[in-house]
C-alpha atoms as a PDB file:
ATOM      1  CA  UNK A   1      -4.015 -15.183 -14.688  1.00  0.00           C
ATOM      2  CA  UNK A   2      -7.628 -16.608 -15.573  1.00  0.00           C
ATOM      3  CA  UNK A   3      -7.422 -20.386 -15.563  1.00  0.00           C
ATOM      4  CA  UNK A   4      -8.473 -20.806 -19.266  1.00  0.00           C
ATOM      5  CA  UNK A   5      -5.265 -19.226 -20.153  1.00  0.00           C
ATOM      6  CA  UNK A   6      -3.106 -21.817 -18.398  1.00  0.00           C
ATOM      7  CA  UNK A   7      -5.232 -24.512 -19.825  1.00  0.00           C
ATOM      8  CA  UNK A   8      -4.331 -23.148 -23.127  1.00  0.00           C
ATOM      9  CA  UNK A   9      -1.146 -23.376 -22.483  1.00  0.00           C
ATOM     10  CA  UNK A  10      -1.168 -26.646 -21.231  1.00  0.00           C
ATOM     11  CA  UNK A  11      -3.431 -28.152 -24.433  1.00  0.00           C
ATOM     12  CA  UNK A  12      -0.950 -26.473 -26.696  1.00  0.00           C
ATOM     13  CA  UNK A  13       1.951 -28.000 -25.004  1.00  0.00           C
ATOM     14  CA  UNK A  14       0.407 -31.497 -24.509  1.00  0.00           C
ATOM     15  CA  UNK A  15      -0.986 -31.580 -28.097  1.00  0.00           C
ATOM     16  CA  UNK A  16       2.099 -30.419 -29.950  1.00  0.00           C
ATOM     17  CA  UNK A  17       4.964 -31.785 -28.057  1.00  0.00           C
ATOM     18  CA  UNK A  18       3.452 -34.593 -25.800  1.00  0.00           C
ATOM     19  CA  UNK A  19       2.725 -35.413 -21.841  1.00  0.00           C
ATOM     20  CA  UNK A  20       6.577 -35.791 -21.157  1.00  0.00           C
ATOM     21  CA  UNK A  21       7.399 -32.380 -22.546  1.00  0.00           C
ATOM     22  CA  UNK A  22       4.610 -30.793 -20.508  1.00  0.00           C
ATOM     23  CA  UNK A  23       5.647 -32.604 -17.229  1.00  0.00           C
ATOM     24  CA  UNK A  24       9.241 -31.551 -17.991  1.00  0.00           C
ATOM     25  CA  UNK A  25       8.093 -27.805 -18.154  1.00  0.00           C
ATOM     26  CA  UNK A  26       5.823 -27.983 -15.007  1.00  0.00           C
ATOM     27  CA  UNK A  27       9.194 -29.465 -13.121  1.00  0.00           C
ATOM     28  CA  UNK A  28      11.150 -26.351 -14.177  1.00  0.00           C
ATOM     29  CA  UNK A  29       8.576 -23.690 -13.274  1.00  0.00           C
ATOM     30  CA  UNK A  30       7.918 -25.720 -10.208  1.00  0.00           C
ATOM     31  CA  UNK A  31       4.363 -25.916 -10.794  1.00  0.00           C
ATOM     32  CA  UNK A  32       3.297 -28.645  -8.641  1.00  0.00           C
ATOM     33  CA  UNK A  33      -0.154 -29.044 -10.453  1.00  0.00           C
ATOM     34  CA  UNK A  34       0.257 -30.601 -14.088  1.00  0.00           C
ATOM     35  CA  UNK A  35      -3.561 -29.778 -14.747  1.00  0.00           C
ATOM     36  CA  UNK A  36      -5.087 -26.628 -14.601  1.00  0.00           C
ATOM     37  CA  UNK A  37      -8.694 -25.588 -14.073  1.00  0.00           C
ATOM     38  CA  UNK A  38     -10.423 -23.466 -16.390  1.00  0.00           C
ATOM     39  CA  UNK A  39     -12.476 -21.566 -13.788  1.00  0.00           C
ATOM     40  CA  UNK A  40      -9.858 -20.853 -11.395  1.00  0.00           C
ATOM     41  CA  UNK A  41      -7.573 -17.786 -11.322  1.00  0.00           C
ATOM     42  CA  UNK A  42      -3.851 -18.411 -11.064  1.00  0.00           C
ATOM     43  CA  UNK A  43      -1.259 -15.844 -10.196  1.00  0.00           C
ATOM     44  CA  UNK A  44       0.591 -14.115 -12.850  1.00  0.00           C
ATOM     45  CA  UNK A  45       3.899 -14.986 -12.245  1.00  0.00           C
ATOM     46  CA  UNK A  46       3.009 -18.667 -12.333  1.00  0.00           C
ATOM     47  CA  UNK A  47       1.778 -18.195 -15.822  1.00  0.00           C
ATOM     48  CA  UNK A  48       5.145 -16.335 -16.783  1.00  0.00           C
ATOM     49  CA  UNK A  49       7.083 -18.891 -15.148  1.00  0.00           C
ATOM     50  CA  UNK A  50       5.313 -21.787 -17.033  1.00  0.00           C
ATOM     51  CA  UNK A  51       5.809 -19.903 -20.422  1.00  0.00           C
ATOM     52  CA  UNK A  52       9.588 -19.375 -19.583  1.00  0.00           C
ATOM     53  CA  UNK A  53       9.926 -23.019 -18.743  1.00  0.00           C
ATOM     54  CA  UNK A  54       8.307 -24.346 -21.973  1.00  0.00           C
ATOM     55  CA  UNK A  55      10.407 -22.117 -24.049  1.00  0.00           C
ATOM     56  CA  UNK A  56      13.341 -23.208 -21.948  1.00  0.00           C
ATOM     57  CA  UNK A  57      12.477 -27.255 -22.448  1.00  0.00           C
ATOM     58  CA  UNK A  58      11.233 -26.630 -25.957  1.00  0.00           C
ATOM     59  CA  UNK A  59      14.628 -24.459 -26.919  1.00  0.00           C
ATOM     60  CA  UNK A  60      12.784 -21.830 -28.187  1.00  0.00           C
ATOM     61  CA  UNK A  61      11.941 -18.195 -27.142  1.00  0.00           C
ATOM     62  CA  UNK A  62       9.020 -17.281 -24.820  1.00  0.00           C
ATOM     63  CA  UNK A  63       8.102 -15.001 -27.672  1.00  0.00           C
ATOM     64  CA  UNK A  64       8.049 -18.012 -30.276  1.00  0.00           C
ATOM     65  CA  UNK A  65       6.100 -20.184 -27.791  1.00  0.00           C
ATOM     66  CA  UNK A  66       3.593 -17.780 -27.365  1.00  0.00           C
ATOM     67  CA  UNK A  67       3.103 -17.088 -31.054  1.00  0.00           C
ATOM     68  CA  UNK A  68       2.745 -20.820 -31.466  1.00  0.00           C
ATOM     69  CA  UNK A  69       0.276 -20.843 -28.606  1.00  0.00           C
ATOM     70  CA  UNK A  70      -1.726 -17.877 -30.444  1.00  0.00           C
ATOM     71  CA  UNK A  71      -1.795 -20.166 -33.762  1.00  0.00           C
ATOM     72  CA  UNK A  72      -3.040 -23.301 -31.962  1.00  0.00           C
ATOM     73  CA  UNK A  73      -5.718 -21.457 -30.592  1.00  0.00           C
ATOM     74  CA  UNK A  74      -7.143 -21.272 -33.957  1.00  0.00           C
ATOM     75  CA  UNK A  75      -5.470 -24.228 -36.155  1.00  0.00           C
ATOM     76  CA  UNK A  76      -5.971 -27.041 -33.476  1.00  0.00           C
ATOM     77  CA  UNK A  77      -8.117 -29.643 -34.167  1.00  0.00           C
ATOM     78  CA  UNK A  78      -9.713 -30.277 -30.537  1.00  0.00           C
ATOM     79  CA  UNK A  79     -13.199 -28.959 -29.626  1.00  0.00           C
ATOM     80  CA  UNK A  80     -11.635 -25.356 -28.141  1.00  0.00           C
ATOM     81  CA  UNK A  81      -9.956 -24.579 -31.241  1.00  0.00           C
ATOM     82  CA  UNK A  82     -13.089 -25.368 -33.350  1.00  0.00           C
ATOM     83  CA  UNK A  83     -15.173 -23.003 -31.063  1.00  0.00           C
ATOM     84  CA  UNK A  84     -12.530 -20.092 -31.179  1.00  0.00           C
ATOM     85  CA  UNK A  85     -12.328 -20.319 -34.907  1.00  0.00           C
ATOM     86  CA  UNK A  86     -16.090 -20.272 -35.223  1.00  0.00           C
ATOM     87  CA  UNK A  87     -16.267 -17.300 -32.930  1.00  0.00           C
ATOM     88  CA  UNK A  88     -13.869 -15.412 -34.946  1.00  0.00           C
ATOM     89  CA  UNK A  89     -15.121 -16.369 -38.437  1.00  0.00           C
ATOM     90  CA  UNK A  90     -18.222 -14.531 -37.449  1.00  0.00           C
ATOM     91  CA  UNK A  91     -16.182 -11.560 -37.534  1.00  0.00           C
ATOM     92  CA  UNK A  92     -16.538 -11.062 -41.094  1.00  0.00           C
ATOM     93  CA  UNK A  93     -16.543 -12.618 -44.616  1.00  0.00           C
ATOM     94  CA  UNK A  94     -13.084 -11.559 -45.477  1.00  0.00           C
ATOM     95  CA  UNK A  95      -9.757 -11.324 -43.584  1.00  0.00           C
ATOM     96  CA  UNK A  96      -9.761  -7.645 -43.892  1.00  0.00           C
ATOM     97  CA  UNK A  97     -13.558  -7.698 -42.345  1.00  0.00           C
ATOM     98  CA  UNK A  98     -11.690  -9.770 -39.518  1.00  0.00           C
ATOM     99  CA  UNK A  99      -8.972  -7.270 -38.709  1.00  0.00           C
ATOM    100  CA  UNK A 100     -11.536  -4.460 -38.687  1.00  0.00           C
ATOM    101  CA  UNK A 101     -13.419  -6.470 -35.853  1.00  0.00           C
ATOM    102  CA  UNK A 102     -10.705  -6.911 -33.656  1.00  0.00           C
ATOM    103  CA  UNK A 103     -11.189  -3.845 -31.842  1.00  0.00           C
ATOM    104  CA  UNK A 104     -14.559  -5.542 -30.339  1.00  0.00           C
ATOM    105  CA  UNK A 105     -12.886  -8.934 -29.697  1.00  0.00           C
ATOM    106  CA  UNK A 106     -12.099  -8.311 -26.045  1.00  0.00           C
ATOM    107  CA  UNK A 107     -15.918  -7.520 -25.517  1.00  0.00           C
ATOM    108  CA  UNK A 108     -17.140 -10.706 -27.700  1.00  0.00           C
ATOM    109  CA  UNK A 109     -14.817 -12.834 -25.575  1.00  0.00           C
ATOM    110  CA  UNK A 110     -16.427 -11.137 -22.310  1.00  0.00           C
ATOM    111  CA  UNK A 111     -19.948 -12.384 -23.484  1.00  0.00           C
ATOM    112  CA  UNK A 112     -18.852 -15.955 -23.339  1.00  0.00           C
ATOM    113  CA  UNK A 113     -16.467 -15.386 -20.681  1.00  0.00           C
ATOM    114  CA  UNK A 114     -17.306 -12.415 -18.173  1.00  0.00           C
ATOM    115  CA  UNK A 115     -14.392 -12.718 -16.126  1.00  0.00           C
ATOM    116  CA  UNK A 116     -11.795 -13.155 -18.787  1.00  0.00           C
ATOM    117  CA  UNK A 117     -10.317  -9.703 -19.402  1.00  0.00           C
ATOM    118  CA  UNK A 118      -8.341  -9.511 -22.572  1.00  0.00           C
ATOM    119  CA  UNK A 119      -6.327  -6.347 -23.104  1.00  0.00           C
ATOM    120  CA  UNK A 120      -7.881  -3.968 -25.730  1.00  0.00           C
ATOM    121  CA  UNK A 121      -6.812  -4.410 -29.553  1.00  0.00           C
ATOM    122  CA  UNK A 122      -6.759  -1.704 -31.713  1.00  0.00           C
ATOM    123  CA  UNK A 123      -6.288  -1.779 -35.588  1.00  0.00           C
ATOM    124  CA  UNK A 124      -5.598   1.159 -37.890  1.00  0.00           C
ATOM    125  CA  UNK A 125      -5.659   1.011 -41.539  1.00  0.00           C
ATOM    126  CA  UNK A 126      -2.542   2.357 -43.143  1.00  0.00           C
ATOM    127  CA  UNK A 127      -3.150   1.828 -46.829  1.00  0.00           C
ATOM    128  CA  UNK A 128      -6.030  -0.760 -48.024  1.00  0.00           C
ATOM    129  CA  UNK A 129      -3.413  -3.650 -48.056  1.00  0.00           C
ATOM    130  CA  UNK A 130      -1.309  -2.536 -44.680  1.00  0.00           C
ATOM    131  CA  UNK A 131      -2.780  -2.172 -41.207  1.00  0.00           C
ATOM    132  CA  UNK A 132      -1.346  -1.470 -37.654  1.00  0.00           C
ATOM    133  CA  UNK A 133      -2.687  -3.668 -34.814  1.00  0.00           C
ATOM    134  CA  UNK A 134      -1.702  -2.855 -31.299  1.00  0.00           C
ATOM    135  CA  UNK A 135      -2.352  -4.301 -28.027  1.00  0.00           C
ATOM    136  CA  UNK A 136      -3.410  -2.650 -24.494  1.00  0.00           C
ATOM    137  CA  UNK A 137      -1.409  -3.066 -21.189  1.00  0.00           C
ATOM    138  CA  UNK A 138      -1.928  -5.994 -19.073  1.00  0.00           C
ATOM    139  CA  UNK A 139      -0.385  -9.181 -20.309  1.00  0.00           C
ATOM    140  CA  UNK A 140       3.068  -9.725 -20.982  1.00  0.00           C
ATOM    141  CA  UNK A 141       3.600 -11.265 -24.583  1.00  0.00           C
ATOM    142  CA  UNK A 142       0.125 -10.800 -25.600  1.00  0.00           C
ATOM    143  CA  UNK A 143       0.712  -9.303 -29.060  1.00  0.00           C
ATOM    144  CA  UNK A 144       2.841 -12.352 -29.727  1.00  0.00           C
ATOM    145  CA  UNK A 145      -0.409 -14.636 -29.052  1.00  0.00           C
ATOM    146  CA  UNK A 146      -1.956 -12.269 -31.521  1.00  0.00           C
ATOM    147  CA  UNK A 147       0.572 -12.475 -33.814  1.00  0.00           C
ATOM    148  CA  UNK A 148      -0.098 -16.413 -33.869  1.00  0.00           C
ATOM    149  CA  UNK A 149      -3.725 -15.805 -34.112  1.00  0.00           C
ATOM    150  CA  UNK A 150      -3.632 -13.525 -37.010  1.00  0.00           C
ATOM    151  CA  UNK A 151      -1.457 -15.920 -38.852  1.00  0.00           C
ATOM    152  CA  UNK A 152      -3.940 -18.920 -38.323  1.00  0.00           C
ATOM    153  CA  UNK A 153      -6.796 -16.749 -39.201  1.00  0.00           C
ATOM    154  CA  UNK A 154      -5.192 -15.666 -42.365  1.00  0.00           C
ATOM    155  CA  UNK A 155      -4.556 -19.389 -43.291  1.00  0.00           C
ATOM    156  CA  UNK A 156      -8.351 -19.883 -42.403  1.00  0.00           C
ATOM    157  CA  UNK A 157      -9.534 -17.109 -44.881  1.00  0.00           C
ATOM    158  CA  UNK A 158      -7.007 -18.385 -47.504  1.00  0.00           C
ATOM    159  CA  UNK A 159      -5.152 -14.996 -47.409  1.00  0.00           C
ATOM    160  CA  UNK A 160      -1.319 -14.310 -47.941  1.00  0.00           C
ATOM    161  CA  UNK A 161       0.026 -12.035 -45.213  1.00  0.00           C
ATOM    162  CA  UNK A 162       3.323 -10.894 -44.018  1.00  0.00           C
ATOM    163  CA  UNK A 163       3.152 -10.058 -40.165  1.00  0.00           C
ATOM    164  CA  UNK A 164       5.980  -8.262 -38.673  1.00  0.00           C
ATOM    165  CA  UNK A 165       6.966  -6.563 -35.097  1.00  0.00           C
ATOM    166  CA  UNK A 166       7.351  -2.697 -35.507  1.00  0.00           C
ATOM    167  CA  UNK A 167      10.630  -1.789 -34.632  1.00  0.00           C
ATOM    168  CA  UNK A 168      10.231   0.620 -31.530  1.00  0.00           C
ATOM    169  CA  UNK A 169       6.683   0.437 -31.397  1.00  0.00           C
ATOM    170  CA  UNK A 170       4.490  -1.880 -29.340  1.00  0.00           C
ATOM    171  CA  UNK A 171       2.336  -3.129 -32.450  1.00  0.00           C
ATOM    172  CA  UNK A 172       2.220  -5.474 -35.454  1.00  0.00           C
ATOM    173  CA  UNK A 173       2.300  -4.343 -39.062  1.00  0.00           C
ATOM    174  CA  UNK A 174      -0.019  -6.802 -41.298  1.00  0.00           C
ATOM    175  CA  UNK A 175       0.594  -6.467 -44.847  1.00  0.00           C
ATOM    176  CA  UNK A 176      -2.097  -8.133 -47.069  1.00  0.00           C
ATOM    177  CA  UNK A 177      -0.341  -9.668 -50.147  1.00  0.00           C
ATOM    178  CA  UNK A 178      -2.860 -11.716 -51.945  1.00  0.00           C
ATOM    179  CA  UNK A 179      -6.685 -11.875 -50.692  1.00  0.00           C
ATOM    180  CA  UNK A 180      -7.109 -15.133 -52.624  1.00  0.00           C
ATOM    181  CA  UNK A 181      -3.991 -16.783 -52.213  1.00  0.00           C
ATOM    182  CA  UNK A 182      -5.712 -20.276 -51.273  1.00  0.00           C
ATOM    183  CA  UNK A 183      -9.280 -21.442 -50.978  1.00  0.00           C
ATOM    184  CA  UNK A 184      -9.193 -21.096 -47.137  1.00  0.00           C
ATOM    185  CA  UNK A 185     -11.309 -23.238 -45.042  1.00  0.00           C
ATOM    186  CA  UNK A 186     -15.246 -23.511 -45.757  1.00  0.00           C
ATOM    187  CA  UNK A 187     -17.401 -21.858 -43.184  1.00  0.00           C
ATOM    188  CA  UNK A 188     -21.128 -21.744 -42.683  1.00  0.00           C
ATOM    189  CA  UNK A 189     -23.466 -20.075 -40.034  1.00  0.00           C
ATOM    190  CA  UNK A 190     -24.750 -23.283 -38.913  1.00  0.00           C
ATOM    191  CA  UNK A 191     -22.565 -25.421 -36.502  1.00  0.00           C
ATOM    192  CA  UNK A 192     -21.293 -29.141 -37.493  1.00  0.00           C
END
């Protein structure tokens, strides 16, 4: 697994639950390093063990931890979240534009980090207010991270949505309830 993934997990747990919780999760996963390097590659079982131990320490399911991780990638206050949020806001002026641009997300991420290979995302419009988002194979739990990202981006755009896992299918149903639920976060093309 790319080091940026493990760094994101570390940042999420430290920022949300504190250093002590992070140390407990690392100990439970038998991870000797408590700080990951973003440019290194780590074995996939290490990352899976770390997610499972975080869930155990937090008394949550791994799926819930991954969804909250996805949300924190966007809604966090740190520089990484601000950069990710800006990158995703370039997807379009509305949340629906953002949904349509998800198909291109792995390629856009690869422009910034060429060796970070995200699973493909596919978006299918079922109605003007209902979308089906599915993910390619490769990362167990990736769809839960996407769920969190969608939740945070809906808040970013000020849109009220319902996001549900689809029974028996590997995807998310995204129903847009109100495109102008709140003002959303201001966004301009220039940085700062």
